N, C-alpha and C. Protein backbone atom coordinates (compact mmCIF):
# COMPACT_ATOMS: atom_id res chain seq x y z
N MET A 1 124.94 79.14 92.25
CA MET A 1 126.40 79.13 92.21
C MET A 1 126.87 80.01 91.07
N GLN A 2 127.79 80.92 91.36
CA GLN A 2 128.29 81.79 90.32
C GLN A 2 129.37 81.10 89.52
N ASP A 3 129.47 81.51 88.24
CA ASP A 3 130.52 80.97 87.40
C ASP A 3 131.87 81.47 87.89
N SER A 4 132.86 80.59 87.93
CA SER A 4 134.20 81.01 88.31
C SER A 4 134.90 81.60 87.11
N VAL A 5 135.69 82.68 87.33
CA VAL A 5 136.34 83.39 86.23
C VAL A 5 137.84 83.43 86.46
N GLN A 6 138.59 83.03 85.42
CA GLN A 6 140.03 83.14 85.45
C GLN A 6 140.43 84.24 84.49
N VAL A 7 141.36 85.09 84.89
CA VAL A 7 141.80 86.18 84.04
C VAL A 7 143.19 85.86 83.51
N LEU A 8 143.31 85.71 82.19
CA LEU A 8 144.59 85.44 81.56
C LEU A 8 144.93 86.63 80.69
N GLY A 9 145.84 87.49 81.18
CA GLY A 9 146.16 88.71 80.44
C GLY A 9 144.92 89.58 80.39
N GLU A 10 144.47 89.86 79.16
CA GLU A 10 143.28 90.68 78.98
C GLU A 10 142.05 89.83 78.65
N VAL A 11 142.20 88.49 78.71
CA VAL A 11 141.11 87.61 78.31
C VAL A 11 140.46 86.99 79.53
N ASN A 12 139.14 87.12 79.65
CA ASN A 12 138.40 86.49 80.73
C ASN A 12 137.92 85.12 80.27
N VAL A 13 138.32 84.09 80.97
CA VAL A 13 137.91 82.73 80.63
C VAL A 13 136.89 82.29 81.67
N VAL A 14 135.66 82.04 81.22
CA VAL A 14 134.60 81.65 82.13
C VAL A 14 134.48 80.14 82.15
N ASP A 15 134.71 79.60 83.34
CA ASP A 15 134.62 78.15 83.50
C ASP A 15 133.23 77.81 84.00
N ARG A 16 132.36 77.44 83.11
CA ARG A 16 130.97 77.20 83.48
C ARG A 16 130.79 75.75 83.95
N VAL A 17 130.12 75.63 85.08
CA VAL A 17 129.83 74.31 85.62
C VAL A 17 128.54 73.81 84.99
N PRO A 18 128.55 72.63 84.35
CA PRO A 18 127.34 72.11 83.72
C PRO A 18 126.20 71.99 84.72
N ARG A 19 125.05 72.49 84.35
CA ARG A 19 123.89 72.42 85.23
C ARG A 19 123.04 71.20 84.88
N PRO A 20 122.45 70.57 85.89
CA PRO A 20 121.61 69.41 85.61
C PRO A 20 120.39 69.82 84.80
N LYS A 21 119.87 68.88 84.00
CA LYS A 21 118.69 69.18 83.20
C LYS A 21 117.48 69.34 84.11
N SER A 22 116.60 70.25 83.73
CA SER A 22 115.37 70.46 84.48
C SER A 22 114.41 69.31 84.21
N LEU A 23 113.37 69.20 85.05
CA LEU A 23 112.37 68.15 84.84
C LEU A 23 111.65 68.35 83.51
N THR A 24 111.44 69.61 83.15
CA THR A 24 110.80 69.88 81.86
C THR A 24 111.66 69.38 80.70
N GLU A 25 112.97 69.61 80.78
CA GLU A 25 113.88 69.16 79.73
C GLU A 25 113.91 67.63 79.67
N LEU A 26 113.92 66.99 80.83
CA LEU A 26 113.93 65.53 80.87
C LEU A 26 112.64 64.97 80.27
N ALA A 27 111.51 65.58 80.63
CA ALA A 27 110.23 65.14 80.08
C ALA A 27 110.17 65.35 78.58
N TYR A 28 110.69 66.49 78.13
CA TYR A 28 110.70 66.81 76.70
C TYR A 28 111.52 65.77 75.93
N GLN A 29 112.72 65.46 76.43
CA GLN A 29 113.59 64.51 75.74
C GLN A 29 112.96 63.12 75.69
N GLU A 30 112.36 62.70 76.81
CA GLU A 30 111.76 61.36 76.85
C GLU A 30 110.58 61.26 75.88
N LEU A 31 109.73 62.28 75.87
CA LEU A 31 108.57 62.27 74.98
C LEU A 31 109.00 62.39 73.52
N ARG A 32 109.97 63.26 73.25
CA ARG A 32 110.44 63.45 71.88
C ARG A 32 111.05 62.15 71.34
N ASP A 33 111.89 61.50 72.17
CA ASP A 33 112.49 60.23 71.76
C ASP A 33 111.40 59.19 71.48
N GLY A 34 110.37 59.18 72.33
CA GLY A 34 109.29 58.23 72.15
C GLY A 34 108.56 58.43 70.84
N ILE A 35 108.33 59.69 70.48
CA ILE A 35 107.65 60.00 69.22
C ILE A 35 108.52 59.59 68.04
N LEU A 36 109.80 59.97 68.09
CA LEU A 36 110.69 59.72 66.96
C LEU A 36 111.04 58.25 66.80
N GLU A 37 110.89 57.47 67.86
CA GLU A 37 111.15 56.03 67.78
C GLU A 37 109.89 55.23 67.49
N GLY A 38 108.78 55.95 67.26
CA GLY A 38 107.53 55.27 66.90
C GLY A 38 106.72 54.79 68.08
N GLY A 39 107.06 55.24 69.29
CA GLY A 39 106.32 54.82 70.47
C GLY A 39 104.94 55.44 70.59
N PHE A 40 104.73 56.55 69.90
CA PHE A 40 103.42 57.21 69.89
C PHE A 40 102.92 57.22 68.44
N ALA A 41 101.92 56.44 68.17
CA ALA A 41 101.41 56.36 66.80
C ALA A 41 100.75 57.68 66.41
N PRO A 42 100.93 58.12 65.17
CA PRO A 42 100.26 59.34 64.71
C PRO A 42 98.75 59.24 64.92
N GLY A 43 98.17 60.29 65.49
CA GLY A 43 96.74 60.31 65.78
C GLY A 43 96.40 59.84 67.18
N ARG A 44 97.36 59.25 67.88
CA ARG A 44 97.10 58.76 69.23
C ARG A 44 96.93 59.93 70.19
N ARG A 45 95.83 59.92 70.93
CA ARG A 45 95.58 60.98 71.90
C ARG A 45 96.23 60.63 73.25
N VAL A 46 96.81 61.62 73.88
CA VAL A 46 97.43 61.43 75.19
C VAL A 46 97.00 62.58 76.09
N SER A 47 97.00 62.33 77.38
CA SER A 47 96.68 63.38 78.34
C SER A 47 97.89 63.65 79.21
N VAL A 48 98.00 64.88 79.67
CA VAL A 48 99.10 65.24 80.55
C VAL A 48 99.06 64.41 81.82
N VAL A 49 97.86 64.15 82.31
CA VAL A 49 97.71 63.37 83.55
C VAL A 49 98.29 61.97 83.38
N SER A 50 97.92 61.30 82.28
CA SER A 50 98.40 59.93 82.07
C SER A 50 99.90 59.90 81.80
N LEU A 51 100.39 60.88 81.03
CA LEU A 51 101.82 60.94 80.75
C LEU A 51 102.62 61.18 82.03
N ALA A 52 102.13 62.08 82.88
CA ALA A 52 102.82 62.38 84.13
C ALA A 52 102.88 61.14 85.02
N ALA A 53 101.79 60.38 85.04
CA ALA A 53 101.76 59.17 85.85
C ALA A 53 102.75 58.13 85.32
N GLU A 54 102.79 57.96 84.00
CA GLU A 54 103.70 57.00 83.39
C GLU A 54 105.16 57.38 83.62
N MET A 55 105.44 58.69 83.62
CA MET A 55 106.82 59.15 83.73
C MET A 55 107.24 59.40 85.18
N GLY A 56 106.29 59.30 86.11
CA GLY A 56 106.61 59.52 87.51
C GLY A 56 106.96 60.97 87.81
N MET A 57 106.30 61.89 87.13
CA MET A 57 106.55 63.32 87.32
C MET A 57 105.25 64.03 87.66
N SER A 58 105.38 65.26 88.13
CA SER A 58 104.20 66.09 88.34
C SER A 58 103.71 66.60 86.99
N ARG A 59 102.53 67.17 86.96
CA ARG A 59 101.93 67.58 85.69
C ARG A 59 102.63 68.79 85.07
N SER A 60 103.13 69.69 85.90
CA SER A 60 103.66 70.96 85.37
C SER A 60 104.80 70.78 84.37
N PRO A 61 105.87 70.02 84.70
CA PRO A 61 106.94 69.86 83.71
C PRO A 61 106.50 69.08 82.47
N VAL A 62 105.58 68.13 82.65
CA VAL A 62 105.09 67.36 81.51
C VAL A 62 104.25 68.26 80.60
N ARG A 63 103.41 69.10 81.21
CA ARG A 63 102.60 70.03 80.41
C ARG A 63 103.51 70.98 79.62
N ALA A 64 104.56 71.48 80.26
CA ALA A 64 105.50 72.38 79.58
C ALA A 64 106.21 71.66 78.44
N ALA A 65 106.54 70.39 78.66
CA ALA A 65 107.21 69.60 77.61
C ALA A 65 106.28 69.38 76.42
N VAL A 66 105.02 69.09 76.70
CA VAL A 66 104.04 68.88 75.62
C VAL A 66 103.85 70.16 74.82
N GLU A 67 103.80 71.30 75.51
CA GLU A 67 103.66 72.58 74.82
C GLU A 67 104.87 72.86 73.93
N ARG A 68 106.05 72.49 74.40
CA ARG A 68 107.26 72.67 73.58
C ARG A 68 107.23 71.75 72.36
N LEU A 69 106.77 70.53 72.54
CA LEU A 69 106.66 69.60 71.42
C LEU A 69 105.64 70.10 70.40
N ALA A 70 104.60 70.78 70.88
CA ALA A 70 103.62 71.37 69.97
C ALA A 70 104.27 72.48 69.15
N THR A 71 105.15 73.25 69.77
CA THR A 71 105.88 74.29 69.05
C THR A 71 106.77 73.67 67.97
N ASP A 72 107.33 72.49 68.27
CA ASP A 72 108.18 71.78 67.31
C ASP A 72 107.38 71.12 66.19
N GLY A 73 106.06 71.07 66.36
CA GLY A 73 105.23 70.40 65.36
C GLY A 73 105.08 68.91 65.58
N LEU A 74 105.54 68.42 66.74
CA LEU A 74 105.48 66.99 67.02
C LEU A 74 104.26 66.59 67.83
N MET A 75 103.51 67.57 68.33
CA MET A 75 102.24 67.31 69.01
C MET A 75 101.27 68.43 68.67
N THR A 76 99.99 68.11 68.75
CA THR A 76 98.94 69.10 68.54
C THR A 76 98.13 69.18 69.82
N LEU A 77 97.96 70.38 70.35
CA LEU A 77 97.24 70.57 71.60
C LEU A 77 95.73 70.58 71.36
N THR A 78 94.99 69.98 72.29
CA THR A 78 93.53 69.98 72.26
C THR A 78 93.04 70.28 73.67
N PRO A 79 91.76 70.67 73.82
CA PRO A 79 91.25 70.94 75.17
C PRO A 79 91.39 69.75 76.11
N GLY A 80 91.32 68.54 75.56
CA GLY A 80 91.41 67.36 76.41
C GLY A 80 92.79 66.76 76.53
N GLY A 81 93.80 67.42 75.97
CA GLY A 81 95.16 66.88 76.03
C GLY A 81 95.95 67.21 74.79
N ALA A 82 96.44 66.18 74.12
CA ALA A 82 97.24 66.40 72.91
C ALA A 82 97.28 65.11 72.11
N PHE A 83 97.72 65.22 70.86
CA PHE A 83 97.91 64.02 70.05
C PHE A 83 99.06 64.24 69.08
N VAL A 84 99.66 63.13 68.67
CA VAL A 84 100.73 63.19 67.68
C VAL A 84 100.08 63.41 66.32
N PRO A 85 100.43 64.48 65.62
CA PRO A 85 99.76 64.78 64.35
C PRO A 85 100.09 63.76 63.26
N THR A 86 99.19 63.66 62.33
CA THR A 86 99.39 62.80 61.16
C THR A 86 99.91 63.66 60.01
N ALA A 87 101.01 63.25 59.42
CA ALA A 87 101.60 64.00 58.32
C ALA A 87 101.33 63.27 57.01
N GLY A 88 101.12 64.03 55.95
CA GLY A 88 100.85 63.43 54.65
C GLY A 88 102.08 63.38 53.77
N ARG A 89 101.88 62.91 52.56
CA ARG A 89 102.99 62.80 51.61
C ARG A 89 103.63 64.16 51.34
N GLY A 90 102.78 65.16 51.15
CA GLY A 90 103.30 66.50 50.87
C GLY A 90 104.15 67.03 52.01
N ASP A 91 103.76 66.70 53.25
CA ASP A 91 104.54 67.15 54.42
C ASP A 91 105.94 66.55 54.40
N LEU A 92 106.02 65.27 54.03
CA LEU A 92 107.33 64.61 53.98
C LEU A 92 108.22 65.23 52.90
N LEU A 93 107.66 65.43 51.72
CA LEU A 93 108.45 66.01 50.63
C LEU A 93 108.86 67.44 50.93
N ASP A 94 107.97 68.21 51.58
CA ASP A 94 108.31 69.58 51.96
C ASP A 94 109.48 69.59 52.95
N ALA A 95 109.41 68.69 53.94
CA ALA A 95 110.47 68.63 54.95
C ALA A 95 111.80 68.21 54.33
N LEU A 96 111.76 67.26 53.41
CA LEU A 96 112.99 66.81 52.75
C LEU A 96 113.58 67.92 51.89
N ALA A 97 112.73 68.71 51.25
CA ALA A 97 113.21 69.81 50.42
C ALA A 97 113.94 70.86 51.25
N VAL A 98 113.47 71.09 52.47
CA VAL A 98 114.14 72.04 53.36
C VAL A 98 115.39 71.41 53.95
N ARG A 99 115.31 70.14 54.26
CA ARG A 99 116.42 69.46 54.94
C ARG A 99 117.66 69.33 54.06
N ALA A 100 117.47 69.13 52.75
CA ALA A 100 118.61 68.88 51.86
C ALA A 100 119.67 69.98 51.91
N PRO A 101 119.32 71.25 51.68
CA PRO A 101 120.36 72.29 51.73
C PRO A 101 120.91 72.51 53.14
N LEU A 102 120.07 72.33 54.16
CA LEU A 102 120.55 72.51 55.53
C LEU A 102 121.56 71.43 55.91
N GLU A 103 121.30 70.20 55.50
CA GLU A 103 122.25 69.11 55.76
C GLU A 103 123.56 69.38 55.04
N GLY A 104 123.46 69.90 53.82
CA GLY A 104 124.67 70.23 53.08
C GLY A 104 125.50 71.28 53.78
N LEU A 105 124.84 72.30 54.29
CA LEU A 105 125.54 73.36 55.02
C LEU A 105 126.18 72.82 56.29
N ALA A 106 125.45 71.97 57.01
CA ALA A 106 125.99 71.39 58.25
C ALA A 106 127.24 70.56 57.96
N ALA A 107 127.21 69.76 56.91
CA ALA A 107 128.37 68.93 56.57
C ALA A 107 129.56 69.79 56.16
N ARG A 108 129.28 70.85 55.40
CA ARG A 108 130.36 71.74 54.96
C ARG A 108 131.02 72.43 56.15
N LEU A 109 130.21 72.86 57.12
CA LEU A 109 130.76 73.53 58.30
C LEU A 109 131.46 72.56 59.24
N ALA A 110 130.95 71.33 59.32
CA ALA A 110 131.50 70.36 60.27
C ALA A 110 132.84 69.80 59.82
N ALA A 111 133.04 69.65 58.52
CA ALA A 111 134.23 68.96 57.99
C ALA A 111 135.55 69.44 58.60
N PRO A 112 135.84 70.74 58.61
CA PRO A 112 137.14 71.17 59.14
C PRO A 112 137.24 71.11 60.66
N GLN A 113 136.10 70.89 61.33
CA GLN A 113 136.10 70.90 62.80
C GLN A 113 136.16 69.51 63.41
N LEU A 114 136.01 68.49 62.60
CA LEU A 114 135.95 67.13 63.13
C LEU A 114 137.33 66.62 63.53
N ALA A 115 137.41 66.06 64.73
CA ALA A 115 138.64 65.42 65.19
C ALA A 115 138.67 63.98 64.68
N ASP A 116 139.83 63.36 64.77
CA ASP A 116 139.94 61.96 64.33
C ASP A 116 138.97 61.07 65.11
N SER A 117 138.78 61.39 66.39
CA SER A 117 137.86 60.59 67.20
C SER A 117 136.43 60.73 66.71
N ASP A 118 136.07 61.91 66.19
CA ASP A 118 134.73 62.11 65.64
C ASP A 118 134.54 61.28 64.37
N ILE A 119 135.58 61.22 63.55
CA ILE A 119 135.52 60.40 62.34
C ILE A 119 135.37 58.93 62.71
N ASP A 120 136.05 58.51 63.78
CA ASP A 120 135.94 57.12 64.24
C ASP A 120 134.50 56.80 64.63
N VAL A 121 133.85 57.74 65.32
CA VAL A 121 132.46 57.54 65.73
C VAL A 121 131.56 57.43 64.50
N LEU A 122 131.75 58.33 63.55
CA LEU A 122 130.96 58.30 62.32
C LEU A 122 131.18 56.99 61.55
N SER A 123 132.43 56.53 61.51
CA SER A 123 132.73 55.28 60.82
C SER A 123 132.03 54.10 61.49
N SER A 124 132.00 54.11 62.81
CA SER A 124 131.34 53.04 63.55
C SER A 124 129.83 53.05 63.29
N ILE A 125 129.24 54.24 63.29
CA ILE A 125 127.80 54.35 63.02
C ILE A 125 127.49 53.89 61.60
N HIS A 126 128.35 54.29 60.66
CA HIS A 126 128.14 53.89 59.26
C HIS A 126 128.23 52.37 59.11
N ALA A 127 129.18 51.76 59.80
CA ALA A 127 129.32 50.30 59.74
C ALA A 127 128.07 49.61 60.31
N GLU A 128 127.53 50.18 61.38
CA GLU A 128 126.31 49.63 61.98
C GLU A 128 125.13 49.78 61.01
N PHE A 129 125.06 50.93 60.35
CA PHE A 129 124.00 51.17 59.37
C PHE A 129 124.10 50.17 58.22
N ASP A 130 125.29 50.00 57.70
CA ASP A 130 125.53 49.08 56.58
C ASP A 130 125.13 47.65 56.97
N ALA A 131 125.55 47.23 58.16
CA ALA A 131 125.25 45.86 58.60
C ALA A 131 123.75 45.66 58.79
N ALA A 132 123.08 46.68 59.36
CA ALA A 132 121.64 46.56 59.60
C ALA A 132 120.87 46.50 58.28
N VAL A 133 121.30 47.29 57.30
CA VAL A 133 120.65 47.27 55.99
C VAL A 133 120.81 45.90 55.34
N LYS A 134 122.01 45.33 55.42
CA LYS A 134 122.28 44.04 54.78
C LYS A 134 121.45 42.91 55.39
N ARG A 135 121.20 42.98 56.70
CA ARG A 135 120.41 41.92 57.32
C ARG A 135 118.91 42.25 57.37
N GLY A 136 118.54 43.41 56.82
CA GLY A 136 117.13 43.77 56.73
C GLY A 136 116.52 44.24 58.02
N ASP A 137 117.33 44.74 58.93
CA ASP A 137 116.83 45.23 60.22
C ASP A 137 116.49 46.72 60.08
N THR A 138 115.26 47.00 59.69
CA THR A 138 114.85 48.37 59.40
C THR A 138 114.94 49.27 60.63
N ARG A 139 114.55 48.75 61.79
CA ARG A 139 114.55 49.57 63.00
C ARG A 139 115.95 50.05 63.35
N VAL A 140 116.92 49.14 63.37
CA VAL A 140 118.29 49.50 63.70
C VAL A 140 118.89 50.39 62.61
N ALA A 141 118.57 50.09 61.36
CA ALA A 141 119.09 50.90 60.25
C ALA A 141 118.58 52.33 60.35
N ARG A 142 117.30 52.49 60.66
CA ARG A 142 116.72 53.84 60.78
C ARG A 142 117.39 54.61 61.92
N LYS A 143 117.62 53.91 63.04
CA LYS A 143 118.26 54.55 64.18
C LYS A 143 119.69 54.97 63.84
N ALA A 144 120.45 54.10 63.17
CA ALA A 144 121.83 54.42 62.80
C ALA A 144 121.86 55.56 61.78
N ASP A 145 120.90 55.58 60.87
CA ASP A 145 120.80 56.66 59.89
C ASP A 145 120.62 57.99 60.60
N PHE A 146 119.71 58.02 61.56
CA PHE A 146 119.44 59.23 62.35
C PHE A 146 120.70 59.67 63.10
N GLN A 147 121.39 58.70 63.71
CA GLN A 147 122.59 59.01 64.48
C GLN A 147 123.71 59.56 63.60
N PHE A 148 123.84 59.04 62.40
CA PHE A 148 124.88 59.49 61.48
C PHE A 148 124.70 60.98 61.17
N HIS A 149 123.50 61.34 60.79
CA HIS A 149 123.24 62.74 60.45
C HIS A 149 123.34 63.64 61.68
N GLN A 150 122.87 63.13 62.81
CA GLN A 150 122.92 63.92 64.04
C GLN A 150 124.37 64.18 64.46
N GLN A 151 125.23 63.19 64.28
CA GLN A 151 126.64 63.34 64.64
C GLN A 151 127.29 64.45 63.81
N VAL A 152 126.95 64.54 62.53
CA VAL A 152 127.48 65.61 61.69
C VAL A 152 126.94 66.95 62.14
N GLN A 153 125.65 67.01 62.40
CA GLN A 153 125.01 68.26 62.79
C GLN A 153 125.61 68.85 64.06
N THR A 154 125.85 68.00 65.06
CA THR A 154 126.32 68.50 66.34
C THR A 154 127.74 69.07 66.28
N HIS A 155 128.44 68.82 65.18
CA HIS A 155 129.81 69.34 65.05
C HIS A 155 129.91 70.47 64.03
N CYS A 156 128.76 71.00 63.60
CA CYS A 156 128.81 72.06 62.60
C CYS A 156 129.17 73.41 63.20
N GLY A 157 129.04 73.55 64.52
CA GLY A 157 129.42 74.79 65.18
C GLY A 157 128.43 75.93 65.03
N ASN A 158 127.20 75.63 64.61
CA ASN A 158 126.19 76.66 64.42
C ASN A 158 124.90 76.22 65.12
N GLU A 159 124.64 76.78 66.30
CA GLU A 159 123.50 76.35 67.09
C GLU A 159 122.17 76.62 66.39
N CYS A 160 122.08 77.74 65.69
CA CYS A 160 120.85 78.07 64.98
C CYS A 160 120.55 77.01 63.92
N LEU A 161 121.58 76.61 63.19
CA LEU A 161 121.41 75.58 62.16
C LEU A 161 121.00 74.25 62.79
N VAL A 162 121.62 73.91 63.91
CA VAL A 162 121.30 72.65 64.58
C VAL A 162 119.83 72.63 65.01
N GLU A 163 119.35 73.75 65.57
CA GLU A 163 117.96 73.82 66.02
C GLU A 163 117.00 73.63 64.85
N HIS A 164 117.28 74.28 63.74
CA HIS A 164 116.41 74.14 62.57
C HIS A 164 116.44 72.70 62.03
N LEU A 165 117.63 72.11 61.99
CA LEU A 165 117.75 70.75 61.47
C LEU A 165 117.04 69.74 62.37
N GLU A 166 117.12 69.94 63.68
CA GLU A 166 116.45 69.02 64.60
C GLU A 166 114.95 69.02 64.36
N ARG A 167 114.40 70.21 64.15
CA ARG A 167 112.95 70.31 63.91
C ARG A 167 112.57 69.69 62.57
N VAL A 168 113.35 70.00 61.54
CA VAL A 168 113.03 69.47 60.21
C VAL A 168 113.19 67.95 60.19
N GLN A 169 114.27 67.46 60.79
CA GLN A 169 114.50 66.02 60.80
C GLN A 169 113.42 65.30 61.59
N ALA A 170 112.97 65.92 62.68
CA ALA A 170 111.90 65.32 63.46
C ALA A 170 110.62 65.20 62.63
N ARG A 171 110.34 66.20 61.82
CA ARG A 171 109.15 66.16 60.97
C ARG A 171 109.28 65.10 59.88
N VAL A 172 110.49 64.92 59.38
CA VAL A 172 110.72 63.87 58.39
C VAL A 172 110.42 62.50 59.00
N ILE A 173 110.95 62.27 60.19
CA ILE A 173 110.74 60.98 60.86
C ILE A 173 109.27 60.77 61.17
N LEU A 174 108.60 61.82 61.66
CA LEU A 174 107.18 61.72 61.97
C LEU A 174 106.38 61.38 60.71
N ALA A 175 106.73 62.01 59.61
CA ALA A 175 106.01 61.77 58.35
C ALA A 175 106.23 60.35 57.83
N THR A 176 107.40 59.78 58.10
CA THR A 176 107.65 58.41 57.63
C THR A 176 106.73 57.42 58.34
N TYR A 177 106.43 57.69 59.62
CA TYR A 177 105.50 56.82 60.33
C TYR A 177 104.07 57.04 59.84
N SER A 178 103.71 58.31 59.60
CA SER A 178 102.34 58.63 59.18
C SER A 178 102.02 58.05 57.82
N THR A 179 103.00 58.08 56.91
CA THR A 179 102.75 57.61 55.55
C THR A 179 103.14 56.15 55.35
N ALA A 180 103.62 55.52 56.44
CA ALA A 180 104.10 54.13 56.36
C ALA A 180 105.09 53.99 55.22
N TRP A 181 105.95 55.00 55.09
CA TRP A 181 106.89 55.01 53.98
C TRP A 181 108.10 54.14 54.28
N SER A 182 108.55 53.45 53.28
CA SER A 182 109.78 52.68 53.39
C SER A 182 110.53 52.83 52.08
N SER A 183 111.83 52.75 52.14
CA SER A 183 112.63 52.90 50.93
C SER A 183 113.74 51.87 50.94
N ASP A 184 114.29 51.63 49.78
CA ASP A 184 115.42 50.72 49.65
C ASP A 184 116.65 51.40 50.25
N GLN A 185 116.96 51.05 51.50
CA GLN A 185 118.05 51.73 52.20
C GLN A 185 119.42 51.34 51.67
N THR A 186 119.47 50.31 50.82
CA THR A 186 120.77 49.94 50.25
C THR A 186 121.34 51.09 49.41
N LYS A 187 120.46 51.94 48.86
CA LYS A 187 120.93 53.08 48.07
C LYS A 187 121.58 54.13 48.96
N ALA A 188 121.16 54.20 50.22
CA ALA A 188 121.69 55.21 51.13
C ALA A 188 123.09 54.86 51.64
N VAL A 189 123.42 53.57 51.66
CA VAL A 189 124.72 53.16 52.20
C VAL A 189 125.89 53.79 51.45
N PRO A 190 125.98 53.67 50.11
CA PRO A 190 127.09 54.32 49.41
C PRO A 190 127.04 55.84 49.48
N GLU A 191 125.84 56.40 49.62
CA GLU A 191 125.73 57.86 49.75
C GLU A 191 126.30 58.32 51.09
N HIS A 192 126.03 57.57 52.14
CA HIS A 192 126.64 57.87 53.44
C HIS A 192 128.16 57.72 53.36
N ALA A 193 128.60 56.71 52.61
CA ALA A 193 130.05 56.47 52.48
C ALA A 193 130.74 57.66 51.81
N LEU A 194 130.09 58.26 50.83
CA LEU A 194 130.66 59.45 50.17
C LEU A 194 130.75 60.62 51.13
N ILE A 195 129.72 60.80 51.94
CA ILE A 195 129.75 61.87 52.94
C ILE A 195 130.89 61.64 53.92
N LEU A 196 131.00 60.39 54.39
CA LEU A 196 132.04 60.04 55.36
C LEU A 196 133.44 60.25 54.77
N ALA A 197 133.63 59.86 53.52
CA ALA A 197 134.94 60.02 52.88
C ALA A 197 135.33 61.49 52.78
N ALA A 198 134.37 62.34 52.42
CA ALA A 198 134.65 63.77 52.32
C ALA A 198 134.94 64.37 53.68
N LEU A 199 134.20 63.95 54.69
CA LEU A 199 134.44 64.44 56.04
C LEU A 199 135.81 63.99 56.54
N SER A 200 136.16 62.74 56.24
CA SER A 200 137.47 62.22 56.66
C SER A 200 138.60 63.00 56.03
N ALA A 201 138.38 63.48 54.80
CA ALA A 201 139.40 64.28 54.11
C ALA A 201 139.33 65.75 54.52
N ARG A 202 138.37 66.07 55.39
CA ARG A 202 138.14 67.46 55.85
C ARG A 202 137.84 68.37 54.65
N ASP A 203 137.17 67.81 53.66
CA ASP A 203 136.79 68.56 52.46
C ASP A 203 135.35 69.03 52.61
N GLY A 204 135.20 70.25 53.11
CA GLY A 204 133.87 70.77 53.39
C GLY A 204 132.98 70.88 52.17
N GLU A 205 133.53 71.35 51.06
CA GLU A 205 132.71 71.51 49.86
C GLU A 205 132.19 70.16 49.36
N ALA A 206 133.06 69.17 49.33
CA ALA A 206 132.64 67.83 48.87
C ALA A 206 131.63 67.22 49.84
N ALA A 207 131.86 67.41 51.13
CA ALA A 207 130.94 66.87 52.13
C ALA A 207 129.56 67.52 51.99
N GLY A 208 129.56 68.83 51.78
CA GLY A 208 128.29 69.54 51.61
C GLY A 208 127.52 69.06 50.40
N ARG A 209 128.23 68.90 49.28
CA ARG A 209 127.58 68.42 48.06
C ARG A 209 127.03 67.01 48.25
N ALA A 210 127.83 66.15 48.87
CA ALA A 210 127.41 64.76 49.06
C ALA A 210 126.18 64.66 49.95
N ALA A 211 126.14 65.48 51.00
CA ALA A 211 124.99 65.46 51.91
C ALA A 211 123.73 65.97 51.23
N THR A 212 123.86 67.05 50.47
CA THR A 212 122.70 67.60 49.77
C THR A 212 122.17 66.62 48.73
N VAL A 213 123.07 66.05 47.94
CA VAL A 213 122.66 65.08 46.91
C VAL A 213 122.00 63.86 47.55
N HIS A 214 122.52 63.42 48.68
CA HIS A 214 121.93 62.28 49.39
C HIS A 214 120.47 62.54 49.73
N LEU A 215 120.17 63.72 50.27
CA LEU A 215 118.79 64.04 50.64
C LEU A 215 117.92 64.25 49.41
N GLU A 216 118.48 64.82 48.36
CA GLU A 216 117.72 64.98 47.12
C GLU A 216 117.39 63.62 46.51
N ASN A 217 118.36 62.71 46.55
CA ASN A 217 118.12 61.35 46.05
C ASN A 217 117.06 60.64 46.89
N LEU A 218 117.11 60.87 48.19
CA LEU A 218 116.13 60.26 49.08
C LEU A 218 114.72 60.72 48.71
N ALA A 219 114.56 62.01 48.47
CA ALA A 219 113.24 62.53 48.08
C ALA A 219 112.76 61.89 46.78
N GLU A 220 113.66 61.70 45.84
CA GLU A 220 113.28 61.08 44.57
C GLU A 220 112.91 59.61 44.77
N ARG A 221 113.62 58.93 45.67
CA ARG A 221 113.27 57.53 45.96
C ARG A 221 111.88 57.45 46.59
N VAL A 222 111.56 58.42 47.43
CA VAL A 222 110.23 58.47 48.04
C VAL A 222 109.16 58.61 46.96
N ARG A 223 109.39 59.53 46.03
CA ARG A 223 108.41 59.74 44.95
C ARG A 223 108.23 58.47 44.12
N ARG A 224 109.33 57.81 43.78
CA ARG A 224 109.24 56.59 42.97
C ARG A 224 108.48 55.49 43.71
N GLU A 225 108.73 55.38 45.02
CA GLU A 225 108.05 54.37 45.82
C GLU A 225 106.55 54.63 45.85
N TRP A 226 106.18 55.88 46.01
CA TRP A 226 104.75 56.20 46.03
C TRP A 226 104.10 55.97 44.68
N ARG A 227 104.79 56.29 43.59
CA ARG A 227 104.24 56.02 42.27
C ARG A 227 104.02 54.52 42.07
N ARG A 228 104.99 53.73 42.55
CA ARG A 228 104.87 52.27 42.44
C ARG A 228 103.65 51.78 43.22
N ARG A 229 103.49 52.27 44.45
CA ARG A 229 102.35 51.86 45.27
C ARG A 229 101.03 52.23 44.60
N ASP A 230 100.98 53.45 44.07
CA ASP A 230 99.74 53.92 43.44
C ASP A 230 99.38 53.06 42.24
N ARG A 231 100.39 52.66 41.46
CA ARG A 231 100.13 51.80 40.30
C ARG A 231 99.58 50.45 40.74
N GLU A 232 100.17 49.90 41.81
CA GLU A 232 99.72 48.60 42.31
C GLU A 232 98.28 48.69 42.82
N GLU A 233 97.98 49.77 43.54
CA GLU A 233 96.64 49.93 44.08
C GLU A 233 95.61 50.10 42.97
N SER A 234 95.98 50.86 41.94
CA SER A 234 95.03 51.09 40.84
C SER A 234 94.81 49.82 40.02
N SER A 235 95.84 48.98 39.95
CA SER A 235 95.71 47.74 39.17
C SER A 235 94.87 46.70 39.88
N THR A 236 94.78 46.80 41.21
CA THR A 236 93.98 45.83 41.97
C THR A 236 92.60 46.36 42.32
N ALA A 237 92.35 47.63 41.97
CA ALA A 237 91.05 48.23 42.30
C ALA A 237 89.93 47.63 41.44
C-alpha cells in the first residue's frame, strides 16, 4: 500500500499508515523483555529451536531476533545456540559512566517537548516507584524506575540518542542481574523527584543536570555497596 499524500500549498504532508510489527520484531521484543525482566538468567544457554517452540513461531524470525540481541550485547552466539552473557562489576560501572551524560542530554531535550499529559504519566510512574520502594517491593520498584527513564527518553526527539540509551540501559539492567547488585532505592526517590520537578517546569538545563547527577550518584552507591560487601566477606574469611 502506498503512502497517501496531501499537498498543502508547497508542503507535501505524508500520511503514513502504521505497519504491523514483523514476526522478527515481535520475537525480539519478547526475548528482550524476558532478559531485562530477569526471565533468562545470565549464563543460561538457549537454542533457537526451543525458543521458537515456546513462542509458537518458526525458527527464522527467532534466529534473526537472537542475532539482533547479540548485536545489542544481550546475547552471545555459540555454535549450539546462544546464551545470556554474564557481566562483571566493571561492565556495570562502564555502562553507568556512559549512561549518565546521555540521560542528561535526553532530559534536557525532552523538557520543552513534554505535554501536560506526559508530565501526568511521569508523575504517576514516580508515585508508583515511591510506593514500591516504601513497601520494599524491589521488582515493582525496578520496573517503575526503568519506565520513568524510558518515558523521558522517548520524548527527547532524537532517535539516535534513544537507540544508544536503550542499549546502554539494557546493559546496566543485565549487569545488575549478573552481579546480584542491589542498592538503597530510597536515595533514588528524591533524585527522581528533582528530575520530575525540572521537567514539569520545562527547564531543560535543570532537568539535564538532575538526570546526570542521579546516574553519577547511582554509580557511587554501587561502589559503596561493593566495598561494604567486600569488607564483610573479608571479615568472615
